[in-house]
Amino acid sequence: MKGFQKLTSVDQALQLFLKAAPARKLNAETVVLPFALNRVLAEDVIADENLPRFDKSAVDGYAVRTEDTANASQFRPKTFALTEGKSVGRKQAVQVSTGNPMPEGSDAVAMLENAKRVEGGIEVWVALTPGANVSLKGEDVPKGKTVLEPGTRLGPYHLALIGALGRTKVKVYERPVVGVLATGNELTKIGHKLHPNQIFDTNRLMVSSMCFELGAEPLDLGIAGDDVEEIGCMLKEGLRKADAVITTGGTSVGEADLVPEVVGRIGKPGVVAHGVAMRPGMPTALAVVDGKPIVILSGNPVAAVVGFEFFARPLICRQLGLKGTELRPVVKARLTNRVTSALGRKTFVRVCVHWEGGELFARPVSARGSGAISTLTEANGYVVVAENREGLEEGETVSVSLFSSIVEAKVSV
């Protein structure tokens, strides 16, 4: 066994990897709106009509002419005759609800709170300006405007906007297929009988779930033992069926760490980086075989997550057709404890962010090794310590990338 003689920086490794991996051909498919949620848009969405389609009331109240409200106040209210027609004349008002078309001749709406029913009509207590409490035709989206562009991940609000334009379907990019392969004689499928010195293969489930969460379609390639022929056969099958492959295990420098060696045998250019200056996840390797990218992750769960975060995530975002890599939400928080790190390596520190006294604090989750899955469930974010830092001090304000929500503490009643 020998250690890594040279480590590649995280940024350089990613640059080498993405440069070596050709961009995936993006094919589009048409789906109905409810099934477009979280998909990536593959076309320009252009408004073929105005939104709103007509001038409409933005509140519940009374449509009036603004000139008739001049100098109105609580002490000198203006009186209007209440009508039910589709037009408003001098000193007339028509009751309207939110979203109703504005009656002809009216140019403002007096809110219910600023008016009072009286015998024969209403009193208005405020002076209005033209357009007050009115949503004007085309105010939201003018006809002909491009409202959404390709590369946009479609959320609930995007779907509502597309639906407001009268469309029931939209073009989205097809999901990339990512093959997920676990390696190691010590692994067995979850739910199967464990033999001595065996563990359940949870990495395949975790990595597949992270792919699916991003919007890719995971392809289960199973478990390969520590055998060159078996690993090579299963990798070739994955490369044939998938747009990219992610493996876990078999990537360090031990006798059974065979994956980088096998990858180098089955195609070109092969491994472009092996051994990355980060902690955990140093054994991560990156490769391209015959135009298909391969991310070779550590078998330790936390190290696998870190490798996925820094390398698989940018790759999948590109394969989805997104405009760029989707960054994690970042918050500023104060560290509750000192954190140590090694110079020359980018360190990934799991933290739990919580509210206390109106301020955000980040509590480092006990680093029980890169195989401790529970440290991921106890944390809701991570802090990256730069290569040129030997640690972070207690009370220091840090940037936390969140991978789950900050849950507000329950208030006892």
Protein backbone atom coordinates (compact mmCIF):
# COMPACT_ATOMS: atom_id res chain seq x y z
CA MET A 1 0.00 0.00 0.00
CA LYS A 2 1.13 3.54 -0.67
CA GLY A 3 -0.42 6.90 0.03
CA PHE A 4 -1.36 9.56 -2.49
CA GLN A 5 1.85 11.19 -3.68
CA LYS A 6 0.08 14.31 -4.95
CA LEU A 7 -3.34 15.84 -4.31
CA THR A 8 -5.30 17.96 -6.77
CA SER A 9 -7.20 20.97 -5.45
CA VAL A 10 -11.01 20.76 -5.51
CA ASP A 11 -11.35 23.60 -8.03
CA GLN A 12 -8.68 22.23 -10.35
CA ALA A 13 -10.11 18.71 -10.20
CA LEU A 14 -13.59 19.97 -11.11
CA GLN A 15 -12.19 22.06 -13.95
CA LEU A 16 -10.25 19.11 -15.37
CA PHE A 17 -13.29 16.85 -15.05
CA LEU A 18 -15.84 19.12 -16.71
CA LYS A 19 -13.39 20.01 -19.47
CA ALA A 20 -12.78 16.34 -20.25
CA ALA A 21 -16.49 15.43 -20.16
CA PRO A 22 -18.31 16.55 -23.32
CA ALA A 23 -21.64 18.27 -22.83
CA ARG A 24 -24.59 15.89 -22.95
CA LYS A 25 -26.93 16.21 -25.92
CA LEU A 26 -30.12 17.71 -24.54
CA ASN A 27 -33.32 16.25 -25.96
CA ALA A 28 -36.70 17.76 -25.17
CA GLU A 29 -40.07 16.24 -24.40
CA THR A 30 -43.50 17.80 -23.94
CA VAL A 31 -45.28 17.22 -20.62
CA VAL A 32 -48.51 18.47 -19.09
CA LEU A 33 -48.01 21.21 -16.50
CA PRO A 34 -48.54 19.18 -13.30
CA PHE A 35 -45.73 16.84 -14.38
CA ALA A 36 -43.35 19.68 -15.21
CA LEU A 37 -42.64 20.50 -11.55
CA ASN A 38 -38.86 20.57 -10.90
CA ARG A 39 -38.12 19.78 -14.56
CA VAL A 40 -35.84 22.05 -16.60
CA LEU A 41 -37.46 24.22 -19.26
CA ALA A 42 -36.38 23.54 -22.85
CA GLU A 43 -38.10 26.41 -24.67
CA ASP A 44 -38.80 30.13 -24.47
CA VAL A 45 -42.17 30.86 -22.91
CA ILE A 46 -43.56 33.95 -24.63
CA ALA A 47 -46.73 35.74 -23.59
CA ASP A 48 -49.14 35.70 -26.52
CA GLU A 49 -51.47 38.05 -24.68
CA ASN A 50 -51.40 40.59 -21.87
CA LEU A 51 -51.57 39.69 -18.19
CA PRO A 52 -53.96 40.86 -16.88
CA ARG A 53 -56.05 40.67 -20.03
CA PHE A 54 -58.06 43.72 -18.93
CA ASP A 55 -57.97 46.43 -16.29
CA LYS A 56 -59.22 44.84 -13.09
CA SER A 57 -59.82 45.71 -9.49
CA ALA A 58 -56.99 44.74 -7.13
CA VAL A 59 -59.20 45.01 -4.02
CA ASP A 60 -62.78 44.69 -2.83
CA GLY A 61 -64.38 48.11 -3.01
CA TYR A 62 -66.07 50.65 -5.26
CA ALA A 63 -65.01 51.68 -8.76
CA VAL A 64 -65.12 55.46 -9.17
CA ARG A 65 -63.71 58.38 -11.16
CA THR A 66 -60.72 59.87 -9.35
CA GLU A 67 -61.72 63.47 -10.18
CA ASP A 68 -64.86 62.94 -8.09
CA THR A 69 -62.76 62.06 -5.00
CA ALA A 70 -60.72 65.29 -4.99
CA ASN A 71 -60.14 66.67 -1.46
CA ALA A 72 -62.13 63.82 0.14
CA SER A 73 -61.31 63.08 3.80
CA GLN A 74 -62.93 61.59 6.90
CA PHE A 75 -64.13 65.07 7.81
CA ARG A 76 -65.31 65.93 4.28
CA PRO A 77 -66.38 62.66 2.62
CA LYS A 78 -67.59 62.61 -0.96
CA THR A 79 -70.97 61.04 -1.69
CA PHE A 80 -71.56 58.74 -4.68
CA ALA A 81 -74.69 57.22 -6.12
CA LEU A 82 -74.34 53.40 -6.13
CA THR A 83 -75.26 51.80 -9.47
CA GLU A 84 -75.13 48.26 -10.87
CA GLY A 85 -74.29 49.13 -14.47
CA LYS A 86 -71.13 48.35 -16.47
CA SER A 87 -70.12 51.99 -16.60
CA VAL A 88 -69.54 54.80 -14.14
CA GLY A 89 -70.78 58.35 -14.64
CA ARG A 90 -70.11 61.55 -12.71
CA LYS A 91 -70.32 60.96 -8.91
CA GLN A 92 -71.34 57.36 -9.45
CA ALA A 93 -69.80 54.15 -8.05
CA VAL A 94 -70.07 50.45 -8.85
CA GLN A 95 -69.26 47.81 -6.24
CA VAL A 96 -66.46 45.48 -7.42
CA SER A 97 -64.65 42.47 -6.02
CA THR A 98 -60.98 41.64 -6.41
CA GLY A 99 -60.35 40.54 -10.01
CA ASN A 100 -63.52 42.11 -11.47
CA PRO A 101 -63.15 44.12 -14.70
CA MET A 102 -63.14 47.86 -14.18
CA PRO A 103 -66.44 49.48 -15.28
CA GLU A 104 -66.14 51.82 -18.23
CA GLY A 105 -65.38 55.38 -17.15
CA SER A 106 -63.82 54.42 -13.80
CA ASP A 107 -60.08 54.73 -13.14
CA ALA A 108 -59.66 53.84 -9.45
CA VAL A 109 -61.16 51.74 -6.67
CA ALA A 110 -62.03 52.99 -3.18
CA MET A 111 -61.35 50.16 -0.72
CA LEU A 112 -64.23 48.97 1.44
CA GLU A 113 -62.26 50.17 4.48
CA ASN A 114 -62.27 53.73 3.08
CA ALA A 115 -65.95 53.89 2.23
CA LYS A 116 -69.30 53.63 4.00
CA ARG A 117 -72.76 52.72 2.84
CA VAL A 118 -75.28 55.52 3.33
CA GLU A 119 -78.85 56.02 2.20
CA GLY A 120 -78.88 56.15 -1.58
CA GLY A 121 -75.18 55.44 -2.10
CA ILE A 122 -71.77 55.50 -0.41
CA GLU A 123 -69.37 57.95 1.19
CA VAL A 124 -65.68 57.87 0.26
CA TRP A 125 -63.16 59.23 2.78
CA VAL A 126 -59.98 59.32 0.68
CA ALA A 127 -58.76 61.22 -2.37
CA LEU A 128 -57.66 58.74 -5.05
CA THR A 129 -55.16 58.98 -7.89
CA PRO A 130 -55.65 57.39 -11.33
CA GLY A 131 -54.87 53.67 -11.19
CA ALA A 132 -55.25 53.41 -7.41
CA ASN A 133 -56.06 49.80 -6.42
CA VAL A 134 -56.26 48.78 -10.09
CA SER A 135 -54.25 46.10 -11.89
CA LEU A 136 -53.78 47.54 -15.36
CA LYS A 137 -53.94 45.53 -18.57
CA GLY A 138 -50.50 44.05 -19.28
CA GLU A 139 -49.12 45.33 -15.98
CA ASP A 140 -47.91 41.89 -14.89
CA VAL A 141 -46.77 40.63 -18.30
CA PRO A 142 -47.09 42.60 -21.54
CA LYS A 143 -47.95 40.72 -24.73
CA GLY A 144 -44.86 39.48 -26.57
CA LYS A 145 -42.56 39.37 -23.55
CA THR A 146 -40.35 36.32 -22.98
CA VAL A 147 -41.27 35.38 -19.43
CA LEU A 148 -39.17 32.21 -19.03
CA GLU A 149 -36.04 30.96 -20.79
CA PRO A 150 -34.54 27.50 -21.39
CA GLY A 151 -32.46 26.26 -18.48
CA THR A 152 -34.98 27.38 -15.84
CA ARG A 153 -35.95 24.82 -13.21
CA LEU A 154 -39.72 24.97 -13.02
CA GLY A 155 -41.18 25.58 -9.58
CA PRO A 156 -44.82 26.06 -8.53
CA TYR A 157 -44.78 29.79 -9.40
CA HIS A 158 -43.36 29.14 -12.88
CA LEU A 159 -46.13 26.63 -13.55
CA ALA A 160 -48.74 29.12 -12.38
CA LEU A 161 -47.35 31.77 -14.74
CA ILE A 162 -47.38 29.36 -17.69
CA GLY A 163 -50.92 28.33 -16.79
CA ALA A 164 -52.00 31.97 -16.56
CA LEU A 165 -51.02 32.29 -20.22
CA GLY A 166 -53.50 29.54 -21.05
CA ARG A 167 -50.96 26.82 -21.74
CA THR A 168 -51.53 23.25 -20.55
CA LYS A 169 -48.22 21.75 -21.73
CA VAL A 170 -44.57 22.76 -21.82
CA LYS A 171 -41.31 21.47 -23.31
CA VAL A 172 -38.69 20.26 -20.81
CA TYR A 173 -35.33 18.55 -21.16
CA GLU A 174 -35.26 14.79 -20.75
CA ARG A 175 -33.79 13.69 -17.43
CA PRO A 176 -30.20 12.45 -17.54
CA VAL A 177 -29.78 8.80 -16.51
CA VAL A 178 -27.10 8.27 -13.85
CA GLY A 179 -25.91 4.74 -13.17
CA VAL A 180 -25.04 4.03 -9.52
CA LEU A 181 -22.66 1.19 -8.68
CA ALA A 182 -21.38 0.08 -5.26
CA THR A 183 -18.22 -1.97 -4.91
CA GLY A 184 -16.81 -4.13 -2.13
CA ASN A 185 -16.89 -7.76 -0.96
CA GLU A 186 -18.12 -6.54 2.42
CA LEU A 187 -21.42 -5.22 1.01
CA THR A 188 -24.79 -6.91 0.88
CA LYS A 189 -28.19 -5.61 -0.19
CA ILE A 190 -30.38 -3.96 2.43
CA GLY A 191 -32.75 -6.55 3.86
CA HIS A 192 -30.61 -9.54 2.94
CA LYS A 193 -28.94 -11.76 5.51
CA LEU A 194 -25.63 -10.41 6.78
CA HIS A 195 -22.68 -12.78 6.89
CA PRO A 196 -19.73 -12.18 9.24
CA ASN A 197 -17.80 -8.98 8.41
CA GLN A 198 -20.52 -7.75 6.05
CA ILE A 199 -22.47 -4.46 6.11
CA PHE A 200 -25.59 -3.27 4.34
CA ASP A 201 -25.00 -1.26 1.18
CA THR A 202 -26.56 2.11 2.05
CA ASN A 203 -24.41 4.22 -0.28
CA ARG A 204 -26.23 3.07 -3.40
CA LEU A 205 -29.56 4.12 -1.87
CA MET A 206 -28.15 7.44 -0.65
CA VAL A 207 -26.40 8.38 -3.91
CA SER A 208 -29.41 7.33 -6.00
CA SER A 209 -31.65 9.48 -3.79
CA MET A 210 -29.34 12.49 -4.19
CA CYS A 211 -29.43 12.04 -7.97
CA PHE A 212 -33.23 11.83 -7.93
CA GLU A 213 -33.46 14.87 -5.65
CA LEU A 214 -31.51 16.90 -8.21
CA GLY A 215 -33.78 15.75 -11.01
CA ALA A 216 -31.75 12.96 -12.61
CA GLU A 217 -33.02 9.43 -13.15
CA PRO A 218 -30.90 6.96 -11.13
CA LEU A 219 -30.16 3.57 -12.65
CA ASP A 220 -29.34 0.83 -10.13
CA LEU A 221 -26.26 -1.06 -11.31
CA GLY A 222 -26.03 -3.24 -8.23
CA ILE A 223 -22.99 -4.31 -6.19
CA ALA A 224 -19.68 -5.42 -7.66
CA GLY A 225 -17.23 -7.46 -5.64
CA ASP A 226 -13.53 -6.64 -5.40
CA ASP A 227 -12.80 -8.23 -8.75
CA VAL A 228 -11.35 -6.49 -11.79
CA GLU A 229 -13.44 -8.41 -14.33
CA GLU A 230 -16.70 -7.97 -12.43
CA ILE A 231 -16.18 -4.26 -11.88
CA GLY A 232 -15.22 -3.75 -15.52
CA CYS A 233 -18.24 -5.66 -16.80
CA MET A 234 -20.69 -3.73 -14.61
CA LEU A 235 -19.08 -0.38 -15.43
CA LYS A 236 -19.35 -1.07 -19.17
CA GLU A 237 -23.02 -1.96 -18.75
CA GLY A 238 -23.63 1.28 -16.87
CA LEU A 239 -21.81 3.36 -19.47
CA ARG A 240 -23.88 1.72 -22.21
CA LYS A 241 -27.20 2.52 -20.54
CA ALA A 242 -26.56 5.77 -18.68
CA ASP A 243 -25.38 9.31 -19.40
CA ALA A 244 -22.99 9.18 -16.43
CA VAL A 245 -21.93 6.70 -13.76
CA ILE A 246 -21.25 7.20 -10.06
CA THR A 247 -19.45 4.50 -8.08
CA THR A 248 -18.79 4.20 -4.36
CA GLY A 249 -15.93 2.31 -2.76
CA GLY A 250 -12.72 0.87 -4.12
CA THR A 251 -10.99 4.18 -4.78
CA SER A 252 -8.35 4.57 -2.10
CA VAL A 253 -4.85 3.09 -2.25
CA GLY A 254 -5.37 -0.40 -0.77
CA GLU A 255 -5.05 -3.71 -2.58
CA ALA A 256 -8.83 -3.97 -3.00
CA ASP A 257 -9.21 -0.41 -4.29
CA LEU A 258 -9.56 -1.38 -7.93
CA VAL A 259 -12.05 1.04 -9.51
CA PRO A 260 -9.65 3.74 -10.82
CA GLU A 261 -7.42 0.99 -12.26
CA VAL A 262 -10.38 -0.67 -14.01
CA VAL A 263 -11.64 2.63 -15.37
CA GLY A 264 -8.21 3.25 -16.88
CA ARG A 265 -8.43 -0.06 -18.74
CA ILE A 266 -11.89 0.20 -20.28
CA GLY A 267 -11.63 3.46 -22.21
CA LYS A 268 -10.02 6.83 -22.82
CA PRO A 269 -9.06 9.32 -21.49
CA GLY A 270 -9.74 7.45 -18.25
CA VAL A 271 -8.95 8.97 -14.85
CA VAL A 272 -8.31 12.74 -15.00
CA ALA A 273 -7.90 13.23 -11.23
CA HIS A 274 -7.39 10.84 -8.33
CA GLY A 275 -6.72 12.13 -4.85
CA VAL A 276 -8.32 15.49 -4.07
CA ALA A 277 -7.15 17.99 -1.46
CA MET A 278 -10.32 17.81 0.64
CA ARG A 279 -11.42 16.25 3.89
CA PRO A 280 -13.28 13.95 3.98
CA GLY A 281 -13.29 12.54 0.47
CA MET A 282 -9.58 12.63 -0.40
CA PRO A 283 -9.71 9.31 -2.36
CA THR A 284 -12.31 10.71 -4.79
CA ALA A 285 -11.45 10.08 -8.45
CA LEU A 286 -12.89 11.61 -11.59
CA ALA A 287 -12.84 10.03 -15.01
CA VAL A 288 -14.24 10.12 -18.52
CA VAL A 289 -14.58 7.01 -20.67
CA ASP A 290 -15.56 7.34 -24.31
CA GLY A 291 -17.42 10.58 -23.65
CA LYS A 292 -19.23 9.40 -20.50
CA PRO A 293 -18.27 10.94 -17.13
CA ILE A 294 -17.58 8.74 -14.09
CA VAL A 295 -17.48 10.02 -10.51
CA ILE A 296 -15.64 7.56 -8.26
CA LEU A 297 -16.62 8.24 -4.65
CA SER A 298 -15.26 6.94 -1.39
CA GLY A 299 -17.06 4.05 0.27
CA ASN A 300 -17.35 6.04 3.51
CA PRO A 301 -20.81 7.67 3.52
CA VAL A 302 -19.82 11.19 4.59
CA ALA A 303 -16.86 11.23 2.22
CA ALA A 304 -19.20 10.05 -0.54
CA VAL A 305 -21.59 12.91 0.20
CA VAL A 306 -18.76 15.47 0.08
CA GLY A 307 -17.48 14.08 -3.22
CA PHE A 308 -21.01 14.13 -4.64
CA GLU A 309 -21.52 17.72 -3.48
CA PHE A 310 -18.36 19.07 -5.09
CA PHE A 311 -18.27 17.00 -8.28
CA ALA A 312 -21.45 15.03 -9.07
CA ARG A 313 -23.76 17.94 -8.29
CA PRO A 314 -22.16 20.35 -10.83
CA LEU A 315 -22.05 17.55 -13.40
CA ILE A 316 -25.73 16.64 -13.00
CA CYS A 317 -26.80 20.29 -13.06
CA ARG A 318 -25.04 20.63 -16.41
CA GLN A 319 -26.60 17.42 -17.72
CA LEU A 320 -30.04 18.62 -16.66
CA GLY A 321 -29.66 21.63 -18.95
CA LEU A 322 -29.62 24.19 -16.12
CA LYS A 323 -28.00 27.55 -16.78
CA GLY A 324 -25.44 26.83 -14.06
CA THR A 325 -24.84 24.85 -10.89
CA GLU A 326 -27.60 25.34 -8.34
CA LEU A 327 -25.91 26.61 -5.20
CA ARG A 328 -27.07 25.65 -1.73
CA PRO A 329 -28.87 28.40 0.25
CA VAL A 330 -26.26 30.15 2.40
CA VAL A 331 -26.78 31.76 5.82
CA LYS A 332 -24.40 33.52 8.19
CA ALA A 333 -24.11 31.97 11.65
CA ARG A 334 -21.79 32.07 14.65
CA LEU A 335 -19.80 28.96 15.52
CA THR A 336 -20.51 27.56 18.97
CA ASN A 337 -17.21 25.63 19.13
CA ARG A 338 -13.72 25.79 17.67
CA VAL A 339 -13.10 23.70 14.55
CA THR A 340 -9.72 22.27 13.60
CA SER A 341 -8.58 21.50 10.06
CA ALA A 342 -5.45 20.59 8.13
CA LEU A 343 -3.57 23.12 6.04
CA GLY A 344 -3.65 22.40 2.34
CA ARG A 345 -7.05 20.66 2.33
CA LYS A 346 -10.52 22.05 1.89
CA THR A 347 -12.41 20.75 4.93
CA PHE A 348 -16.13 19.99 5.02
CA VAL A 349 -17.54 20.55 8.53
CA ARG A 350 -21.04 19.30 9.32
CA VAL A 351 -23.03 21.74 11.46
CA CYS A 352 -26.49 22.10 12.95
CA VAL A 353 -27.85 25.63 12.53
CA HIS A 354 -30.36 26.83 15.11
CA TRP A 355 -31.99 30.04 16.33
CA GLU A 356 -31.10 31.39 19.73
CA GLY A 357 -31.93 34.86 21.03
CA GLY A 358 -32.81 36.12 17.57
CA GLU A 359 -29.47 34.99 16.12
CA LEU A 360 -28.31 32.00 14.07
CA PHE A 361 -25.70 29.69 15.59
CA ALA A 362 -23.86 26.80 13.96
CA ARG A 363 -22.98 23.88 16.21
CA PRO A 364 -20.35 21.56 14.73
CA VAL A 365 -21.61 18.01 14.70
CA SER A 366 -19.15 15.66 16.37
CA ALA A 367 -16.83 14.34 13.67
CA ARG A 368 -17.00 10.62 14.40
CA GLY A 369 -15.31 9.75 11.16
CA SER A 370 -16.39 9.76 7.53
CA GLY A 371 -18.38 6.56 8.02
CA ALA A 372 -20.76 8.02 10.62
CA ILE A 373 -24.07 8.41 8.76
CA SER A 374 -25.79 9.83 11.86
CA THR A 375 -23.66 12.98 11.64
CA LEU A 376 -25.45 13.77 8.38
CA THR A 377 -28.91 13.37 9.89
CA GLU A 378 -27.93 15.48 12.92
CA ALA A 379 -26.67 18.30 10.69
CA ASN A 380 -28.61 20.62 8.40
CA GLY A 381 -25.68 22.31 6.68
CA TYR A 382 -21.96 22.44 6.22
CA VAL A 383 -19.13 24.94 6.52
CA VAL A 384 -16.14 24.79 4.19
CA VAL A 385 -12.79 25.63 5.77
CA ALA A 386 -10.39 26.98 3.14
CA GLU A 387 -7.08 25.26 2.42
CA ASN A 388 -5.12 28.16 3.92
CA ARG A 389 -6.85 27.98 7.32
CA GLU A 390 -5.83 25.73 10.22
CA GLY A 391 -9.29 25.97 11.73
CA LEU A 392 -12.13 28.26 12.75
CA GLU A 393 -12.53 29.93 16.11
CA GLU A 394 -15.45 29.74 18.52
CA GLY A 395 -17.73 32.73 17.99
CA GLU A 396 -16.47 33.30 14.43
CA THR A 397 -19.13 34.19 11.86
CA VAL A 398 -19.17 31.59 9.09
CA SER A 399 -21.08 30.94 5.89
CA VAL A 400 -23.22 27.81 6.15
CA SER A 401 -24.51 25.99 3.07
CA LEU A 402 -27.84 24.44 4.02
CA PHE A 403 -28.86 21.00 2.77
CA SER A 404 -32.05 20.89 4.88
CA SER A 405 -34.29 23.37 6.67
CA ILE A 406 -33.69 25.28 9.88
CA VAL A 407 -36.48 24.11 12.15
CA GLU A 408 -37.72 26.67 14.65
CA ALA A 409 -37.85 25.37 18.20
CA LYS A 410 -41.33 24.57 19.51
CA VAL A 411 -42.81 27.18 21.82
CA SER A 412 -44.49 25.70 24.91
CA VAL A 413 -47.96 27.01 25.68
